[in-house]
Amino acid sequence: MTFRVTEDDTAAAVGSGSLPVLGTPRLLAWLEAATCACLSPLLPEGQTSVGTRVQLEHLAASPVGDSVEVSASSAYVDGRLHRFTVSARDTSSGRVLAAGEITRVVVDAERFMSRV
């Protein structure tokens, strides 16, 4: 998946700092979207996944206007648990912006929401 950094994506806009660069919370949301895109085609009707663990290193800054490619690949599966290796790169330079791991658990959506 590819995203362009806008003013709304900056650390200043999302409350994670004061600089006009891609905020870590927005980057994490993009990476989680990549894990959902990997997993959702495999899920039967009524099933979804929820994030349960994140380990992320945000290694380099991205200014407004930069294009960021995020990717996720399955690293481990144990029943309902799915662990993904995730990364983000600057599309112009290929520079690694972030790397880490996100774990998701498959749940029945209706049952999950009945417990919230």
PDB file of N, CA and C in Angstrom:
ATOM      1  N   MET A   1       0.854  -1.166   0.000  1.00  0.00           N
ATOM      2  CA  MET A   1       0.000   0.000   0.000  1.00  0.00           C
ATOM      3  C   MET A   1       0.900   1.228   0.000  1.00  0.00           C
ATOM      4  N   THR A   2       0.457   2.260  -0.698  1.00  0.00           N
ATOM      5  CA  THR A   2       1.235   3.494  -0.766  1.00  0.00           C
ATOM      6  C   THR A   2       0.384   4.668  -0.298  1.00  0.00           C
ATOM      7  N   PHE A   3       0.995   5.526   0.501  1.00  0.00           N
ATOM      8  CA  PHE A   3       0.328   6.699   1.050  1.00  0.00           C
ATOM      9  C   PHE A   3       1.204   7.928   0.819  1.00  0.00           C
ATOM     10  N   ARG A   4       0.569   9.073   0.652  1.00  0.00           N
ATOM     11  CA  ARG A   4       1.290  10.343   0.563  1.00  0.00           C
ATOM     12  C   ARG A   4       1.098  11.077   1.883  1.00  0.00           C
ATOM     13  N   VAL A   5       2.185  11.569   2.465  1.00  0.00           N
ATOM     14  CA  VAL A   5       2.142  12.291   3.734  1.00  0.00           C
ATOM     15  C   VAL A   5       1.485  13.655   3.502  1.00  0.00           C
ATOM     16  N   THR A   6       0.429  13.920   4.275  1.00  0.00           N
ATOM     17  CA  THR A   6      -0.254  15.216   4.210  1.00  0.00           C
ATOM     18  C   THR A   6      -0.101  15.919   5.554  1.00  0.00           C
ATOM     19  N   GLU A   7      -0.580  17.147   5.610  1.00  0.00           N
ATOM     20  CA  GLU A   7      -0.551  17.906   6.870  1.00  0.00           C
ATOM     21  C   GLU A   7      -1.292  17.151   7.977  1.00  0.00           C
ATOM     22  N   ASP A   8      -2.364  16.438   7.615  1.00  0.00           N
ATOM     23  CA  ASP A   8      -3.154  15.697   8.600  1.00  0.00           C
ATOM     24  C   ASP A   8      -2.420  14.494   9.178  1.00  0.00           C
ATOM     25  N   ASP A   9      -1.327  14.076   8.538  1.00  0.00           N
ATOM     26  CA  ASP A   9      -0.565  12.905   8.970  1.00  0.00           C
ATOM     27  C   ASP A   9       0.628  13.252   9.852  1.00  0.00           C
ATOM     28  N   THR A  10       0.870  14.526  10.057  1.00  0.00           N
ATOM     29  CA  THR A  10       2.083  14.942  10.769  1.00  0.00           C
ATOM     30  C   THR A  10       1.979  14.711  12.276  1.00  0.00           C
ATOM     31  N   ALA A  11       3.134  14.644  12.896  1.00  0.00           N
ATOM     32  CA  ALA A  11       3.190  14.500  14.355  1.00  0.00           C
ATOM     33  C   ALA A  11       2.429  15.637  15.029  1.00  0.00           C
ATOM     34  N   ALA A  12       2.558  16.847  14.480  1.00  0.00           N
ATOM     35  CA  ALA A  12       1.850  17.991  15.056  1.00  0.00           C
ATOM     36  C   ALA A  12       0.333  17.795  14.970  1.00  0.00           C
ATOM     37  N   ALA A  13      -0.149  17.254  13.868  1.00  0.00           N
ATOM     38  CA  ALA A  13      -1.593  17.074  13.678  1.00  0.00           C
ATOM     39  C   ALA A  13      -2.166  15.941  14.520  1.00  0.00           C
ATOM     40  N   VAL A  14      -1.402  14.862  14.711  1.00  0.00           N
ATOM     41  CA  VAL A  14      -1.938  13.705  15.443  1.00  0.00           C
ATOM     42  C   VAL A  14      -1.586  13.733  16.930  1.00  0.00           C
ATOM     43  N   GLY A  15      -0.862  14.759  17.361  1.00  0.00           N
ATOM     44  CA  GLY A  15      -0.582  14.930  18.778  1.00  0.00           C
ATOM     45  C   GLY A  15       0.578  14.123  19.317  1.00  0.00           C
ATOM     46  N   SER A  16       1.472  13.696  18.425  1.00  0.00           N
ATOM     47  CA  SER A  16       2.608  12.907  18.909  1.00  0.00           C
ATOM     48  C   SER A  16       3.922  13.677  18.837  1.00  0.00           C
ATOM     49  N   GLY A  17       3.828  14.964  18.690  1.00  0.00           N
ATOM     50  CA  GLY A  17       5.015  15.803  18.619  1.00  0.00           C
ATOM     51  C   GLY A  17       4.643  17.150  18.041  1.00  0.00           C
ATOM     52  N   SER A  18       5.662  17.941  17.740  1.00  0.00           N
ATOM     53  CA  SER A  18       5.388  19.299  17.267  1.00  0.00           C
ATOM     54  C   SER A  18       5.916  19.551  15.856  1.00  0.00           C
ATOM     55  N   LEU A  19       6.521  18.561  15.236  1.00  0.00           N
ATOM     56  CA  LEU A  19       7.143  18.776  13.932  1.00  0.00           C
ATOM     57  C   LEU A  19       6.226  18.378  12.782  1.00  0.00           C
ATOM     58  N   PRO A  20       6.409  19.025  11.631  1.00  0.00           N
ATOM     59  CA  PRO A  20       5.590  18.724  10.455  1.00  0.00           C
ATOM     60  C   PRO A  20       6.146  17.557   9.638  1.00  0.00           C
ATOM     61  N   VAL A  21       6.296  16.423  10.300  1.00  0.00           N
ATOM     62  CA  VAL A  21       6.756  15.193   9.651  1.00  0.00           C
ATOM     63  C   VAL A  21       5.771  14.073   9.998  1.00  0.00           C
ATOM     64  N   LEU A  22       5.815  12.977   9.245  1.00  0.00           N
ATOM     65  CA  LEU A  22       4.904  11.861   9.479  1.00  0.00           C
ATOM     66  C   LEU A  22       4.948  11.425  10.944  1.00  0.00           C
ATOM     67  N   GLY A  23       3.786  11.432  11.575  1.00  0.00           N
ATOM     68  CA  GLY A  23       3.679  11.022  12.970  1.00  0.00           C
ATOM     69  C   GLY A  23       3.657   9.505  13.096  1.00  0.00           C
ATOM     70  N   THR A  24       4.286   9.008  14.133  1.00  0.00           N
ATOM     71  CA  THR A  24       4.337   7.563  14.357  1.00  0.00           C
ATOM     72  C   THR A  24       2.950   6.939  14.469  1.00  0.00           C
ATOM     73  N   PRO A  25       1.973   7.583  15.141  1.00  0.00           N
ATOM     74  CA  PRO A  25       0.644   6.965  15.190  1.00  0.00           C
ATOM     75  C   PRO A  25       0.022   6.764  13.797  1.00  0.00           C
ATOM     76  N   ARG A  26       0.219   7.722  12.892  1.00  0.00           N
ATOM     77  CA  ARG A  26      -0.330   7.577  11.539  1.00  0.00           C
ATOM     78  C   ARG A  26       0.412   6.471  10.791  1.00  0.00           C
ATOM     79  N   LEU A  27       1.738   6.430  10.936  1.00  0.00           N
ATOM     80  CA  LEU A  27       2.523   5.373  10.305  1.00  0.00           C
ATOM     81  C   LEU A  27       2.060   4.003  10.794  1.00  0.00           C
ATOM     82  N   LEU A  28       1.849   3.882  12.076  1.00  0.00           N
ATOM     83  CA  LEU A  28       1.362   2.619  12.635  1.00  0.00           C
ATOM     84  C   LEU A  28      -0.004   2.259  12.057  1.00  0.00           C
ATOM     85  N   ALA A  29      -0.889   3.227  11.920  1.00  0.00           N
ATOM     86  CA  ALA A  29      -2.209   2.957  11.334  1.00  0.00           C
ATOM     87  C   ALA A  29      -2.065   2.440   9.913  1.00  0.00           C
ATOM     88  N   TRP A  30      -1.156   3.016   9.140  1.00  0.00           N
ATOM     89  CA  TRP A  30      -0.927   2.552   7.772  1.00  0.00           C
ATOM     90  C   TRP A  30      -0.406   1.116   7.769  1.00  0.00           C
ATOM     91  N   LEU A  31       0.512   0.817   8.686  1.00  0.00           N
ATOM     92  CA  LEU A  31       1.064  -0.539   8.764  1.00  0.00           C
ATOM     93  C   LEU A  31      -0.010  -1.540   9.190  1.00  0.00           C
ATOM     94  N   GLU A  32      -0.862  -1.138  10.126  1.00  0.00           N
ATOM     95  CA  GLU A  32      -1.961  -2.027  10.525  1.00  0.00           C
ATOM     96  C   GLU A  32      -2.916  -2.255   9.359  1.00  0.00           C
ATOM     97  N   ALA A  33      -3.157  -1.237   8.560  1.00  0.00           N
ATOM     98  CA  ALA A  33      -4.009  -1.393   7.376  1.00  0.00           C
ATOM     99  C   ALA A  33      -3.413  -2.434   6.428  1.00  0.00           C
ATOM    100  N   ALA A  34      -2.099  -2.449   6.318  1.00  0.00           N
ATOM    101  CA  ALA A  34      -1.435  -3.443   5.463  1.00  0.00           C
ATOM    102  C   ALA A  34      -1.639  -4.855   6.012  1.00  0.00           C
ATOM    103  N   THR A  35      -1.585  -5.021   7.338  1.00  0.00           N
ATOM    104  CA  THR A  35      -1.810  -6.358   7.906  1.00  0.00           C
ATOM    105  C   THR A  35      -3.258  -6.780   7.696  1.00  0.00           C
ATOM    106  N   CYS A  36      -4.189  -5.850   7.828  1.00  0.00           N
ATOM    107  CA  CYS A  36      -5.607  -6.171   7.591  1.00  0.00           C
ATOM    108  C   CYS A  36      -5.830  -6.579   6.139  1.00  0.00           C
ATOM    109  N   ALA A  37      -5.182  -5.880   5.221  1.00  0.00           N
ATOM    110  CA  ALA A  37      -5.324  -6.202   3.803  1.00  0.00           C
ATOM    111  C   ALA A  37      -4.784  -7.591   3.499  1.00  0.00           C
ATOM    112  N   CYS A  38      -3.738  -8.001   4.197  1.00  0.00           N
ATOM    113  CA  CYS A  38      -3.188  -9.355   4.012  1.00  0.00           C
ATOM    114  C   CYS A  38      -4.145 -10.424   4.535  1.00  0.00           C
ATOM    115  N   LEU A  39      -4.750 -10.150   5.664  1.00  0.00           N
ATOM    116  CA  LEU A  39      -5.524 -11.164   6.373  1.00  0.00           C
ATOM    117  C   LEU A  39      -6.991 -11.238   5.953  1.00  0.00           C
ATOM    118  N   SER A  40      -7.599 -10.123   5.650  1.00  0.00           N
ATOM    119  CA  SER A  40      -9.047 -10.119   5.423  1.00  0.00           C
ATOM    120  C   SER A  40      -9.532 -11.027   4.291  1.00  0.00           C
ATOM    121  N   PRO A  41      -8.800 -11.200   3.195  1.00  0.00           N
ATOM    122  CA  PRO A  41      -9.297 -12.118   2.161  1.00  0.00           C
ATOM    123  C   PRO A  41      -9.363 -13.580   2.613  1.00  0.00           C
ATOM    124  N   LEU A  42      -8.675 -13.907   3.677  1.00  0.00           N
ATOM    125  CA  LEU A  42      -8.628 -15.283   4.180  1.00  0.00           C
ATOM    126  C   LEU A  42      -9.724 -15.582   5.199  1.00  0.00           C
ATOM    127  N   LEU A  43     -10.420 -14.548   5.653  1.00  0.00           N
ATOM    128  CA  LEU A  43     -11.377 -14.712   6.741  1.00  0.00           C
ATOM    129  C   LEU A  43     -12.769 -15.054   6.234  1.00  0.00           C
ATOM    130  N   PRO A  44     -13.426 -16.015   6.896  1.00  0.00           N
ATOM    131  CA  PRO A  44     -14.810 -16.324   6.527  1.00  0.00           C
ATOM    132  C   PRO A  44     -15.748 -15.188   6.944  1.00  0.00           C
ATOM    133  N   GLU A  45     -16.936 -15.194   6.377  1.00  0.00           N
ATOM    134  CA  GLU A  45     -17.965 -14.208   6.712  1.00  0.00           C
ATOM    135  C   GLU A  45     -18.158 -14.146   8.228  1.00  0.00           C
ATOM    136  N   GLY A  46     -18.234 -12.920   8.757  1.00  0.00           N
ATOM    137  CA  GLY A  46     -18.462 -12.726  10.184  1.00  0.00           C
ATOM    138  C   GLY A  46     -17.200 -12.687  11.021  1.00  0.00           C
ATOM    139  N   GLN A  47     -16.059 -13.004  10.410  1.00  0.00           N
ATOM    140  CA  GLN A  47     -14.789 -12.981  11.133  1.00  0.00           C
ATOM    141  C   GLN A  47     -14.025 -11.702  10.786  1.00  0.00           C
ATOM    142  N   THR A  48     -13.260 -11.218  11.724  1.00  0.00           N
ATOM    143  CA  THR A  48     -12.384 -10.074  11.516  1.00  0.00           C
ATOM    144  C   THR A  48     -11.139 -10.301  12.363  1.00  0.00           C
ATOM    145  N   SER A  49     -10.252  -9.338  12.381  1.00  0.00           N
ATOM    146  CA  SER A  49      -9.067  -9.484  13.233  1.00  0.00           C
ATOM    147  C   SER A  49      -8.879  -8.217  14.045  1.00  0.00           C
ATOM    148  N   VAL A  50      -8.260  -8.393  15.193  1.00  0.00           N
ATOM    149  CA  VAL A  50      -7.954  -7.262  16.072  1.00  0.00           C
ATOM    150  C   VAL A  50      -6.461  -7.276  16.377  1.00  0.00           C
ATOM    151  N   GLY A  51      -5.900  -6.084  16.465  1.00  0.00           N
ATOM    152  CA  GLY A  51      -4.490  -5.970  16.813  1.00  0.00           C
ATOM    153  C   GLY A  51      -4.289  -6.225  18.290  1.00  0.00           C
ATOM    154  N   THR A  52      -3.245  -6.989  18.621  1.00  0.00           N
ATOM    155  CA  THR A  52      -2.987  -7.305  20.026  1.00  0.00           C
ATOM    156  C   THR A  52      -1.577  -6.940  20.479  1.00  0.00           C
ATOM    157  N   ARG A  53      -0.662  -6.781  19.542  1.00  0.00           N
ATOM    158  CA  ARG A  53       0.721  -6.474  19.923  1.00  0.00           C
ATOM    159  C   ARG A  53       1.400  -5.743  18.780  1.00  0.00           C
ATOM    160  N   VAL A  54       2.184  -4.722  19.139  1.00  0.00           N
ATOM    161  CA  VAL A  54       2.944  -3.956  18.150  1.00  0.00           C
ATOM    162  C   VAL A  54       4.363  -3.758  18.659  1.00  0.00           C
ATOM    163  N   GLN A  55       5.308  -3.993  17.786  1.00  0.00           N
ATOM    164  CA  GLN A  55       6.714  -3.661  18.048  1.00  0.00           C
ATOM    165  C   GLN A  55       7.168  -2.917  16.801  1.00  0.00           C
ATOM    166  N   LEU A  56       7.504  -1.633  16.957  1.00  0.00           N
ATOM    167  CA  LEU A  56       7.803  -0.804  15.793  1.00  0.00           C
ATOM    168  C   LEU A  56       8.965   0.129  16.069  1.00  0.00           C
ATOM    169  N   GLU A  57       9.882   0.193  15.123  1.00  0.00           N
ATOM    170  CA  GLU A  57      10.954   1.183  15.158  1.00  0.00           C
ATOM    171  C   GLU A  57      10.709   2.161  14.028  1.00  0.00           C
ATOM    172  N   HIS A  58      10.488   3.421  14.376  1.00  0.00           N
ATOM    173  CA  HIS A  58      10.312   4.486  13.386  1.00  0.00           C
ATOM    174  C   HIS A  58      11.704   5.088  13.197  1.00  0.00           C
ATOM    175  N   LEU A  59      12.340   4.766  12.074  1.00  0.00           N
ATOM    176  CA  LEU A  59      13.769   5.003  11.885  1.00  0.00           C
ATOM    177  C   LEU A  59      14.134   6.314  11.203  1.00  0.00           C
ATOM    178  N   ALA A  60      13.229   6.867  10.408  1.00  0.00           N
ATOM    179  CA  ALA A  60      13.553   8.085   9.670  1.00  0.00           C
ATOM    180  C   ALA A  60      12.309   8.933   9.474  1.00  0.00           C
ATOM    181  N   ALA A  61      12.522  10.237   9.363  1.00  0.00           N
ATOM    182  CA  ALA A  61      11.417  11.181   9.197  1.00  0.00           C
ATOM    183  C   ALA A  61      10.992  11.284   7.734  1.00  0.00           C
ATOM    184  N   SER A  62       9.695  11.601   7.550  1.00  0.00           N
ATOM    185  CA  SER A  62       9.132  11.799   6.217  1.00  0.00           C
ATOM    186  C   SER A  62       8.371  13.120   6.209  1.00  0.00           C
ATOM    187  N   PRO A  63       8.803  14.082   5.397  1.00  0.00           N
ATOM    188  CA  PRO A  63       8.103  15.363   5.357  1.00  0.00           C
ATOM    189  C   PRO A  63       6.806  15.288   4.563  1.00  0.00           C
ATOM    190  N   VAL A  64       5.981  16.298   4.721  1.00  0.00           N
ATOM    191  CA  VAL A  64       4.746  16.411   3.948  1.00  0.00           C
ATOM    192  C   VAL A  64       5.096  16.349   2.463  1.00  0.00           C
ATOM    193  N   GLY A  65       4.312  15.571   1.729  1.00  0.00           N
ATOM    194  CA  GLY A  65       4.533  15.419   0.296  1.00  0.00           C
ATOM    195  C   GLY A  65       5.236  14.138  -0.081  1.00  0.00           C
ATOM    196  N   ASP A  66       5.967  13.547   0.855  1.00  0.00           N
ATOM    197  CA  ASP A  66       6.657  12.287   0.557  1.00  0.00           C
ATOM    198  C   ASP A  66       5.648  11.159   0.368  1.00  0.00           C
ATOM    199  N   SER A  67       6.028  10.198  -0.436  1.00  0.00           N
ATOM    200  CA  SER A  67       5.224   9.010  -0.674  1.00  0.00           C
ATOM    201  C   SER A  67       5.856   7.855   0.100  1.00  0.00           C
ATOM    202  N   VAL A  68       5.016   7.140   0.845  1.00  0.00           N
ATOM    203  CA  VAL A  68       5.487   6.064   1.715  1.00  0.00           C
ATOM    204  C   VAL A  68       4.801   4.761   1.319  1.00  0.00           C
ATOM    205  N   GLU A  69       5.596   3.733   1.081  1.00  0.00           N
ATOM    206  CA  GLU A  69       5.060   2.408   0.788  1.00  0.00           C
ATOM    207  C   GLU A  69       5.162   1.560   2.044  1.00  0.00           C
ATOM    208  N   VAL A  70       4.035   0.991   2.462  1.00  0.00           N
ATOM    209  CA  VAL A  70       4.025   0.106   3.623  1.00  0.00           C
ATOM    210  C   VAL A  70       3.735  -1.311   3.153  1.00  0.00           C
ATOM    211  N   SER A  71       4.334  -2.276   3.849  1.00  0.00           N
ATOM    212  CA  SER A  71       4.105  -3.672   3.480  1.00  0.00           C
ATOM    213  C   SER A  71       4.022  -4.527   4.731  1.00  0.00           C
ATOM    214  N   ALA A  72       3.337  -5.644   4.570  1.00  0.00           N
ATOM    215  CA  ALA A  72       3.197  -6.627   5.647  1.00  0.00           C
ATOM    216  C   ALA A  72       3.304  -8.006   5.029  1.00  0.00           C
ATOM    217  N   SER A  73       4.002  -8.882   5.729  1.00  0.00           N
ATOM    218  CA  SER A  73       4.068 -10.271   5.265  1.00  0.00           C
ATOM    219  C   SER A  73       3.912 -11.191   6.471  1.00  0.00           C
ATOM    220  N   SER A  74       3.226 -12.289   6.236  1.00  0.00           N
ATOM    221  CA  SER A  74       2.972 -13.240   7.305  1.00  0.00           C
ATOM    222  C   SER A  74       4.282 -13.855   7.778  1.00  0.00           C
ATOM    223  N   ALA A  75       4.505 -13.814   9.083  1.00  0.00           N
ATOM    224  CA  ALA A  75       5.726 -14.373   9.658  1.00  0.00           C
ATOM    225  C   ALA A  75       5.447 -15.617  10.500  1.00  0.00           C
ATOM    226  N   TYR A  76       4.206 -15.725  11.022  1.00  0.00           N
ATOM    227  CA  TYR A  76       3.896 -16.821  11.938  1.00  0.00           C
ATOM    228  C   TYR A  76       2.386 -16.924  12.072  1.00  0.00           C
ATOM    229  N   VAL A  77       1.874 -18.141  12.056  1.00  0.00           N
ATOM    230  CA  VAL A  77       0.445 -18.379  12.261  1.00  0.00           C
ATOM    231  C   VAL A  77       0.295 -19.536  13.238  1.00  0.00           C
ATOM    232  N   ASP A  78      -0.559 -19.342  14.243  1.00  0.00           N
ATOM    233  CA  ASP A  78      -0.885 -20.401  15.191  1.00  0.00           C
ATOM    234  C   ASP A  78      -2.370 -20.295  15.493  1.00  0.00           C
ATOM    235  N   GLY A  79      -3.165 -21.047  14.760  1.00  0.00           N
ATOM    236  CA  GLY A  79      -4.610 -20.971  14.936  1.00  0.00           C
ATOM    237  C   GLY A  79      -5.129 -19.596  14.578  1.00  0.00           C
ATOM    238  N   ARG A  80      -5.716 -18.912  15.565  1.00  0.00           N
ATOM    239  CA  ARG A  80      -6.286 -17.583  15.329  1.00  0.00           C
ATOM    240  C   ARG A  80      -5.244 -16.469  15.360  1.00  0.00           C
ATOM    241  N   LEU A  81      -4.054 -16.755  15.859  1.00  0.00           N
ATOM    242  CA  LEU A  81      -2.997 -15.745  15.998  1.00  0.00           C
ATOM    243  C   LEU A  81      -2.193 -15.640  14.705  1.00  0.00           C
ATOM    244  N   HIS A  82      -2.030 -14.399  14.231  1.00  0.00           N
ATOM    245  CA  HIS A  82      -1.252 -14.121  13.021  1.00  0.00           C
ATOM    246  C   HIS A  82      -0.242 -13.026  13.327  1.00  0.00           C
ATOM    247  N   ARG A  83       1.023 -13.312  13.089  1.00  0.00           N
ATOM    248  CA  ARG A  83       2.082 -12.330  13.318  1.00  0.00           C
ATOM    249  C   ARG A  83       2.643 -11.903  11.968  1.00  0.00           C
ATOM    250  N   PHE A  84       2.780 -10.598  11.775  1.00  0.00           N
ATOM    251  CA  PHE A  84       3.261 -10.038  10.524  1.00  0.00           C
ATOM    252  C   PHE A  84       4.551  -9.256  10.732  1.00  0.00           C
ATOM    253  N   THR A  85       5.449  -9.366   9.779  1.00  0.00           N
ATOM    254  CA  THR A  85       6.600  -8.483   9.692  1.00  0.00           C
ATOM    255  C   THR A  85       6.156  -7.304   8.847  1.00  0.00           C
ATOM    256  N   VAL A  86       6.392  -6.092   9.343  1.00  0.00           N
ATOM    257  CA  VAL A  86       5.951  -4.896   8.633  1.00  0.00           C
ATOM    258  C   VAL A  86       7.134  -3.971   8.370  1.00  0.00           C
ATOM    259  N   SER A  87       7.004  -3.186   7.298  1.00  0.00           N
ATOM    260  CA  SER A  87       8.038  -2.196   7.008  1.00  0.00           C
ATOM    261  C   SER A  87       7.442  -1.050   6.211  1.00  0.00           C
ATOM    262  N   ALA A  88       8.141   0.064   6.250  1.00  0.00           N
ATOM    263  CA  ALA A  88       7.762   1.246   5.467  1.00  0.00           C
ATOM    264  C   ALA A  88       9.007   1.771   4.787  1.00  0.00           C
ATOM    265  N   ARG A  89       8.846   2.190   3.527  1.00  0.00           N
ATOM    266  CA  ARG A  89       9.961   2.726   2.740  1.00  0.00           C
ATOM    267  C   ARG A  89       9.537   4.009   2.052  1.00  0.00           C
ATOM    268  N   ASP A  90      10.496   4.895   1.878  1.00  0.00           N
ATOM    269  CA  ASP A  90      10.297   6.071   1.049  1.00  0.00           C
ATOM    270  C   ASP A  90      10.299   5.603  -0.401  1.00  0.00           C
ATOM    271  N   THR A  91       9.263   5.935  -1.168  1.00  0.00           N
ATOM    272  CA  THR A  91       9.173   5.412  -2.530  1.00  0.00           C
ATOM    273  C   THR A  91      10.213   6.021  -3.463  1.00  0.00           C
ATOM    274  N   SER A  92      10.686   7.223  -3.175  1.00  0.00           N
ATOM    275  CA  SER A  92      11.686   7.861  -4.036  1.00  0.00           C
ATOM    276  C   SER A  92      13.076   7.274  -3.852  1.00  0.00           C
ATOM    277  N   SER A  93      13.500   7.181  -2.597  1.00  0.00           N
ATOM    278  CA  SER A  93      14.877   6.760  -2.313  1.00  0.00           C
ATOM    279  C   SER A  93      15.004   5.280  -1.963  1.00  0.00           C
ATOM    280  N   GLY A  94      13.895   4.649  -1.569  1.00  0.00           N
ATOM    281  CA  GLY A  94      13.944   3.267  -1.107  1.00  0.00           C
ATOM    282  C   GLY A  94      14.414   3.143   0.327  1.00  0.00           C
ATOM    283  N   ARG A  95      14.677   4.276   0.965  1.00  0.00           N
ATOM    284  CA  ARG A  95      15.155   4.296   2.351  1.00  0.00           C
ATOM    285  C   ARG A  95      14.120   3.676   3.286  1.00  0.00           C
ATOM    286  N   VAL A  96      14.578   2.829   4.198  1.00  0.00           N
ATOM    287  CA  VAL A  96      13.693   2.214   5.185  1.00  0.00           C
ATOM    288  C   VAL A  96      13.318   3.259   6.229  1.00  0.00           C
ATOM    289  N   LEU A  97      12.024   3.450   6.399  1.00  0.00           N
ATOM    290  CA  LEU A  97      11.514   4.430   7.355  1.00  0.00           C
ATOM    291  C   LEU A  97      11.108   3.787   8.672  1.00  0.00           C
ATOM    292  N   ALA A  98      10.678   2.532   8.593  1.00  0.00           N
ATOM    293  CA  ALA A  98      10.212   1.834   9.793  1.00  0.00           C
ATOM    294  C   ALA A  98      10.261   0.336   9.561  1.00  0.00           C
ATOM    295  N   ALA A  99      10.403  -0.394  10.669  1.00  0.00           N
ATOM    296  CA  ALA A  99      10.389  -1.853  10.611  1.00  0.00           C
ATOM    297  C   ALA A  99       9.853  -2.366  11.936  1.00  0.00           C
ATOM    298  N   GLY A 100       9.181  -3.513  11.869  1.00  0.00           N
ATOM    299  CA  GLY A 100       8.658  -4.071  13.106  1.00  0.00           C
ATOM    300  C   GLY A 100       7.804  -5.290  12.888  1.00  0.00           C
ATOM    301  N   GLU A 101       6.937  -5.509  13.871  1.00  0.00           N
ATOM    302  CA  GLU A 101       6.092  -6.698  13.886  1.00  0.00           C
ATOM    303  C   GLU A 101       4.738  -6.324  14.480  1.00  0.00           C
ATOM    304  N   ILE A 102       3.674  -6.825  13.871  1.00  0.00           N
ATOM    305  CA  ILE A 102       2.317  -6.602  14.379  1.00  0.00           C
ATOM    306  C   ILE A 102       1.631  -7.952  14.499  1.00  0.00           C
ATOM    307  N   THR A 103       0.997  -8.181  15.643  1.00  0.00           N
ATOM    308  CA  THR A 103       0.250  -9.414  15.875  1.00  0.00           C
ATOM    309  C   THR A 103      -1.239  -9.103  15.882  1.00  0.00           C
ATOM    310  N   ARG A 104      -1.996  -9.939  15.186  1.00  0.00           N
ATOM    311  CA  ARG A 104      -3.450  -9.825  15.128  1.00  0.00           C
ATOM    312  C   ARG A 104      -4.062 -11.164  15.511  1.00  0.00           C
ATOM    313  N   VAL A 105      -5.257 -11.123  16.076  1.00  0.00           N
ATOM    314  CA  VAL A 105      -5.991 -12.332  16.439  1.00  0.00           C
ATOM    315  C   VAL A 105      -7.339 -12.293  15.724  1.00  0.00           C
ATOM    316  N   VAL A 106      -7.696 -13.403  15.103  1.00  0.00           N
ATOM    317  CA  VAL A 106      -8.972 -13.529  14.404  1.00  0.00           C
ATOM    318  C   VAL A 106     -10.073 -13.751  15.431  1.00  0.00           C
ATOM    319  N   VAL A 107     -11.166 -12.980  15.278  1.00  0.00           N
ATOM    320  CA  VAL A 107     -12.299 -13.080  16.196  1.00  0.00           C
ATOM    321  C   VAL A 107     -13.600 -13.083  15.397  1.00  0.00           C
ATOM    322  N   ASP A 108     -14.658 -13.571  16.028  1.00  0.00           N
ATOM    323  CA  ASP A 108     -15.996 -13.439  15.486  1.00  0.00           C
ATOM    324  C   ASP A 108     -16.447 -12.012  15.808  1.00  0.00           C
ATOM    325  N   ALA A 109     -16.759 -11.221  14.786  1.00  0.00           N
ATOM    326  CA  ALA A 109     -17.050  -9.803  14.974  1.00  0.00           C
ATOM    327  C   ALA A 109     -18.243  -9.566  15.906  1.00  0.00           C
ATOM    328  N   GLU A 110     -19.322 -10.294  15.708  1.00  0.00           N
ATOM    329  CA  GLU A 110     -20.524 -10.095  16.522  1.00  0.00           C
ATOM    330  C   GLU A 110     -20.264 -10.461  17.981  1.00  0.00           C
ATOM    331  N   ARG A 111     -19.620 -11.578  18.192  1.00  0.00           N
ATOM    332  CA  ARG A 111     -19.326 -12.010  19.562  1.00  0.00           C
ATOM    333  C   ARG A 111     -18.382 -11.029  20.248  1.00  0.00           C
ATOM    334  N   PHE A 112     -17.379 -10.571  19.520  1.00  0.00           N
ATOM    335  CA  PHE A 112     -16.421  -9.609  20.065  1.00  0.00           C
ATOM    336  C   PHE A 112     -17.155  -8.334  20.513  1.00  0.00           C
ATOM    337  N   MET A 113     -17.989  -7.798  19.627  1.00  0.00           N
ATOM    338  CA  MET A 113     -18.687  -6.552  19.952  1.00  0.00           C
ATOM    339  C   MET A 113     -19.691  -6.725  21.085  1.00  0.00           C
ATOM    340  N   SER A 114     -20.235  -7.924  21.271  1.00  0.00           N
ATOM    341  CA  SER A 114     -21.183  -8.146  22.361  1.00  0.00           C
ATOM    342  C   SER A 114     -20.490  -8.092  23.720  1.00  0.00           C
ATOM    343  N   ARG A 115     -19.186  -8.228  23.720  1.00  0.00           N
ATOM    344  CA  ARG A 115     -18.421  -8.213  24.969  1.00  0.00           C
ATOM    345  C   ARG A 115     -17.818  -6.842  25.296  1.00  0.00           C
ATOM    346  N   VAL A 116     -17.929  -5.933  24.369  1.00  0.00           N
ATOM    347  CA  VAL A 116     -17.315  -4.608  24.567  1.00  0.00           C
ATOM    348  C   VAL A 116     -18.203  -3.751  25.450  1.00  0.00           C
TER     349      VAL A 116
END
